[in-house]
Protein backbone atom coordinates (compact mmCIF):
# COMPACT_ATOMS: atom_id res chain seq x y z
CA UNK A 1 0.00 0.00 0.00
CA UNK A 2 1.31 3.44 -0.97
CA UNK A 3 2.36 5.62 1.97
CA UNK A 4 2.26 9.37 1.64
CA UNK A 5 5.49 11.19 2.45
CA UNK A 6 4.85 14.91 2.55
CA UNK A 7 8.27 15.44 4.08
CA UNK A 8 9.66 15.10 0.56
CA UNK A 9 8.64 18.71 -0.07
CA UNK A 10 11.16 19.88 2.54
CA UNK A 11 14.04 17.80 1.20
CA UNK A 12 16.65 19.19 -1.16
CA UNK A 13 16.30 18.46 -4.85
CA UNK A 14 19.41 17.08 -6.60
CA UNK A 15 19.93 20.19 -8.75
CA UNK A 16 21.15 22.13 -5.73
CA UNK A 17 18.57 24.92 -6.00
CA UNK A 18 16.95 24.24 -2.64
CA UNK A 19 14.05 22.25 -1.28
CA UNK A 20 11.43 20.67 -3.50
CA UNK A 21 8.76 23.07 -2.25
CA UNK A 22 10.86 26.04 -3.36
CA UNK A 23 11.53 24.21 -6.62
CA UNK A 24 7.78 24.05 -7.28
CA UNK A 25 7.22 27.70 -6.38
CA UNK A 26 9.94 28.73 -8.84
CA UNK A 27 7.94 26.78 -11.41
CA UNK A 28 4.85 28.74 -10.37
CA UNK A 29 6.82 31.92 -11.03
CA UNK A 30 7.52 30.77 -14.59
CA UNK A 31 3.87 29.79 -15.00
CA UNK A 32 2.69 33.25 -13.96
CA UNK A 33 5.37 35.02 -16.00
CA UNK A 34 4.30 33.08 -19.08
CA UNK A 35 0.58 33.51 -18.46
CA UNK A 36 0.65 37.24 -17.65
CA UNK A 37 2.77 38.28 -20.64
CA UNK A 38 0.74 36.03 -22.95
CA UNK A 39 -2.48 37.46 -21.51
CA UNK A 40 -1.44 41.06 -22.19
CA UNK A 41 -0.67 40.18 -25.81
CA UNK A 42 -3.84 38.08 -26.16
CA UNK A 43 -6.04 40.83 -24.70
CA UNK A 44 -4.53 43.42 -27.05
CA UNK A 45 -4.81 41.33 -30.22
CA UNK A 46 -8.13 39.77 -29.25
CA UNK A 47 -9.71 43.13 -28.47
CA UNK A 48 -8.57 44.52 -31.82
CA UNK A 49 -9.76 41.51 -33.82
CA UNK A 50 -13.03 41.26 -31.93
CA UNK A 51 -13.75 44.94 -32.47
CA UNK A 52 -12.89 44.81 -36.18
CA UNK A 53 -15.31 41.91 -36.64
CA UNK A 54 -18.20 44.20 -35.65
CA UNK A 55 -17.36 47.05 -38.04
CA UNK A 56 -19.20 47.80 -41.26
CA UNK A 57 -16.25 46.97 -43.55
CA UNK A 58 -16.92 43.47 -44.98
CA UNK A 59 -13.29 42.80 -45.89
CA UNK A 60 -12.09 43.65 -42.38
CA UNK A 61 -14.79 41.41 -40.94
CA UNK A 62 -13.77 38.53 -43.24
CA UNK A 63 -10.10 38.95 -42.30
CA UNK A 64 -10.99 38.83 -38.60
CA UNK A 65 -13.18 35.77 -39.12
CA UNK A 66 -10.39 34.02 -41.02
CA UNK A 67 -7.93 34.73 -38.18
CA UNK A 68 -10.34 33.27 -35.64
CA UNK A 69 -11.17 30.18 -37.68
CA UNK A 70 -7.53 29.33 -38.44
CA UNK A 71 -6.19 29.50 -34.89
CA UNK A 72 -9.35 28.17 -33.23
CA UNK A 73 -9.20 24.90 -35.18
CA UNK A 74 -5.56 24.00 -34.50
CA UNK A 75 -4.98 22.14 -31.20
CA UNK A 76 -2.93 24.01 -28.63
CA UNK A 77 -0.14 21.44 -28.45
CA UNK A 78 0.22 21.50 -32.25
CA UNK A 79 0.49 25.28 -32.18
CA UNK A 80 3.12 24.99 -29.45
CA UNK A 81 5.25 22.71 -31.64
CA UNK A 82 4.72 25.00 -34.65
CA UNK A 83 5.99 28.05 -32.77
CA UNK A 84 8.98 26.14 -31.35
CA UNK A 85 10.08 24.01 -34.31
CA UNK A 86 8.53 25.43 -37.48
CA UNK A 87 8.26 29.24 -37.19
CA UNK A 88 12.07 29.80 -36.91
CA UNK A 89 12.52 27.90 -40.18
CA UNK A 90 10.28 30.36 -42.05
CA UNK A 91 12.06 33.45 -40.77
CA UNK A 92 15.15 34.97 -42.43
CA UNK A 93 18.08 32.63 -41.81
CA UNK A 94 19.99 34.97 -39.50
CA UNK A 95 16.93 35.66 -37.35
CA UNK A 96 15.87 32.00 -37.32
CA UNK A 97 19.36 30.87 -36.29
CA UNK A 98 19.44 33.48 -33.53
CA UNK A 99 16.08 32.30 -32.17
CA UNK A 100 17.19 28.66 -32.21
CA UNK A 101 20.36 29.56 -30.29
CA UNK A 102 18.63 31.46 -27.48
CA UNK A 103 19.76 29.78 -24.24
CA UNK A 104 17.25 28.09 -21.94
CA UNK A 105 14.84 28.84 -20.47
CA UNK A 106 14.24 31.80 -22.80
CA UNK A 107 14.44 29.65 -25.91
CA UNK A 108 11.31 27.85 -24.70
CA UNK A 109 9.72 30.79 -22.92
CA UNK A 110 9.31 33.04 -25.95
CA UNK A 111 7.58 30.44 -28.19
CA UNK A 112 5.36 29.44 -25.27
CA UNK A 113 4.28 33.05 -24.72
CA UNK A 114 3.53 33.62 -28.40
CA UNK A 115 1.64 30.34 -28.73
CA UNK A 116 -0.55 30.98 -25.69
CA UNK A 117 -1.09 34.60 -26.70
CA UNK A 118 -2.30 33.80 -30.21
CA UNK A 119 -4.36 30.80 -29.08
CA UNK A 120 -6.08 32.83 -26.35
CA UNK A 121 -6.51 35.95 -28.49
CA UNK A 122 -9.00 34.02 -30.62
CA UNK A 123 -11.15 33.30 -27.57
CA UNK A 124 -10.85 36.90 -26.38
CA UNK A 125 -11.89 38.10 -29.85
CA UNK A 126 -15.05 35.99 -29.61
CA UNK A 127 -15.84 37.41 -26.18
CA UNK A 128 -15.29 41.00 -27.32
CA UNK A 129 -17.44 40.51 -30.41
CA UNK A 130 -20.21 38.98 -28.31
CA UNK A 131 -19.99 41.80 -25.77
CA UNK A 132 -20.26 44.49 -28.44
CA UNK A 133 -23.16 42.74 -30.18
CA UNK A 134 -25.00 42.38 -26.86
CA UNK A 135 -25.33 46.16 -26.54
CA UNK A 136 -28.50 47.85 -27.78
CA UNK A 137 -28.19 49.36 -31.26
CA UNK A 138 -29.14 52.68 -29.76
CA UNK A 139 -25.69 52.98 -28.19
CA UNK A 140 -24.00 53.11 -31.58
CA UNK A 141 -26.68 55.41 -32.98
CA UNK A 142 -26.31 57.75 -30.02
CA UNK A 143 -22.60 58.08 -30.68
CA UNK A 144 -23.27 58.92 -34.31
CA UNK A 145 -25.94 61.43 -33.33
CA UNK A 146 -23.41 63.19 -31.10
CA UNK A 147 -21.10 63.65 -34.06
CA UNK A 148 -18.56 60.99 -33.05
CA UNK A 149 -16.68 59.07 -35.70
CA UNK A 150 -16.92 55.28 -35.77
CA UNK A 151 -13.58 54.89 -33.97
CA UNK A 152 -14.58 57.46 -31.35
CA UNK A 153 -17.92 55.74 -30.82
CA UNK A 154 -16.13 52.47 -30.17
CA UNK A 155 -13.57 54.08 -27.89
CA UNK A 156 -15.85 56.23 -25.75
CA UNK A 157 -19.25 54.53 -25.92
CA UNK A 158 -19.21 50.89 -26.99
CA UNK A 159 -16.00 49.31 -25.70
CA UNK A 160 -16.19 50.63 -22.10
CA UNK A 161 -19.63 49.04 -21.75
CA UNK A 162 -18.72 45.86 -23.62
CA UNK A 163 -15.71 45.16 -21.42
CA UNK A 164 -17.81 45.55 -18.29
CA UNK A 165 -20.20 42.92 -19.65
CA UNK A 166 -17.52 40.40 -20.64
CA UNK A 167 -15.33 40.75 -17.55
CA UNK A 168 -16.56 37.43 -16.02
CA UNK A 169 -15.77 35.35 -19.16
CA UNK A 170 -12.44 37.16 -19.49
CA UNK A 171 -11.67 35.97 -15.96
CA UNK A 172 -12.26 32.41 -17.13
CA UNK A 173 -9.96 32.98 -20.10
CA UNK A 174 -7.17 34.18 -17.84
CA UNK A 175 -7.60 31.12 -15.66
CA UNK A 176 -7.46 29.00 -18.83
CA UNK A 177 -4.21 30.59 -19.92
CA UNK A 178 -2.67 29.82 -16.52
CA UNK A 179 -3.70 26.17 -16.89
CA UNK A 180 -2.80 25.97 -20.58
CA UNK A 181 0.74 27.12 -19.78
CA UNK A 182 1.37 23.56 -18.58
CA UNK A 183 1.57 22.53 -22.25
CA UNK A 184 4.86 24.46 -22.43
CA UNK A 185 6.58 21.55 -20.69
CA UNK A 186 6.46 19.77 -24.06
CA UNK A 187 9.03 22.24 -25.43
CA UNK A 188 11.22 22.20 -22.33
CA UNK A 189 9.90 25.07 -20.21
CA UNK A 190 10.04 24.03 -16.57
CA UNK A 191 6.93 25.79 -15.33
CA UNK A 192 4.89 24.37 -12.45
CA UNK A 193 3.72 21.17 -14.17
CA UNK A 194 7.16 20.61 -15.69
CA UNK A 195 8.81 20.91 -12.30
CA UNK A 196 6.25 18.61 -10.69
CA UNK A 197 7.10 16.05 -13.34
CA UNK A 198 10.82 16.54 -12.75
CA UNK A 199 10.26 16.18 -9.00
CA UNK A 200 8.53 12.84 -9.39
CA UNK A 201 11.35 11.63 -11.65
CA UNK A 202 13.97 12.67 -9.09
CA UNK A 203 12.16 11.42 -5.98
CA UNK A 204 9.77 8.75 -7.34
CA UNK A 205 7.03 10.43 -5.27
CA UNK A 206 4.40 10.84 -7.99
CA UNK A 207 1.37 11.56 -5.81
CA UNK A 208 3.12 14.11 -3.60
CA UNK A 209 4.59 15.98 -6.56
CA UNK A 210 1.37 16.35 -8.51
CA UNK A 211 -0.83 16.78 -5.44
CA UNK A 212 1.33 19.73 -4.39
CA UNK A 213 1.17 21.17 -7.91
CA UNK A 214 -2.62 20.75 -7.91
CA UNK A 215 -2.99 22.63 -4.63
CA UNK A 216 -0.78 25.45 -5.95
CA UNK A 217 -2.86 25.71 -9.13
CA UNK A 218 -6.11 25.81 -7.12
CA UNK A 219 -4.84 28.51 -4.77
CA UNK A 220 -3.50 30.58 -7.66
CA UNK A 221 -6.76 30.46 -9.58
CA UNK A 222 -8.71 31.21 -6.39
CA UNK A 223 -6.70 34.42 -5.96
CA UNK A 224 -7.44 35.30 -9.61
CA UNK A 225 -11.17 34.72 -9.13
CA UNK A 226 -11.34 36.86 -5.98
CA UNK A 227 -9.33 39.68 -7.56
CA UNK A 228 -11.44 39.72 -10.72
CA UNK A 229 -14.67 39.54 -8.71
CA UNK A 230 -13.55 42.61 -6.79
CA UNK A 231 -12.71 44.37 -10.06
CA UNK A 232 -16.06 43.37 -11.56
CA UNK A 233 -17.92 44.90 -8.62
CA UNK A 234 -15.84 48.08 -8.88
CA UNK A 235 -16.53 48.69 -12.59
CA UNK A 236 -20.14 47.46 -12.76
CA UNK A 237 -22.59 50.08 -14.00
CA UNK A 238 -25.96 49.80 -12.19
CA UNK A 239 -28.80 49.44 -14.67
CA UNK A 240 -26.63 48.62 -17.69
CA UNK A 241 -28.80 46.53 -19.98
CA UNK A 242 -27.42 44.29 -22.70
CA UNK A 243 -29.49 43.70 -25.82
CA UNK A 244 -32.16 41.16 -24.97
CA UNK A 245 -30.84 40.80 -21.44
CA UNK A 246 -31.71 41.88 -17.95
CA UNK A 247 -30.17 44.84 -16.17
CA UNK A 248 -26.99 44.11 -14.22
CA UNK A 249 -27.45 44.19 -10.48
CA UNK A 250 -26.09 47.26 -8.83
CA UNK A 251 -24.69 47.83 -5.34
């Protein structure tokens, strides 16, 4: 019968970096560093693409739809391998060779960030498009009636309301990007899951390694949920009504 040995977390790992518990928390640091940078890029690109898909220019809408369809239908792990192995081969030789010679962990970190950013930007684009389309048509017409250009209407009228509506699903997307960062272990990035796997290989304590990683993931995502819930309550507009929906509760 398997006997738990939680004391393994306080023993030193063979790499000489400290105890296993610290080893896992360093992995959490890489997980958060990957997820946060990727999220900033994903939110920027996704917001732009999602907004363009609601404009009146059919060619811009088609281009945005094509972007979404291409990256939405390629599995995440395949995209990770494409960014790590294939993309450098299509760049100019000098740049491709430089990327392939970047020392670890940065040689794995940069492709992981770009992969997660592009993969998540598609989901953000869908959320932004849905948030904009959920607003009453009168919002856009009011901006036009005030003499605002289309870009000004989006900037000052539509997007501030749309982002308030989609804040809860955006929270879920950020939690997803934290969890999806575990796929980066396949290209050699020792984030939290990668270090849990390395720990079980060093110590042969499979359950302790992945149980500890699971608890760390749960606590991290709990902090994210509480922080975003606080932000949602701070930015909520009492009485804001989405098209076909009920007014948001105010405080």
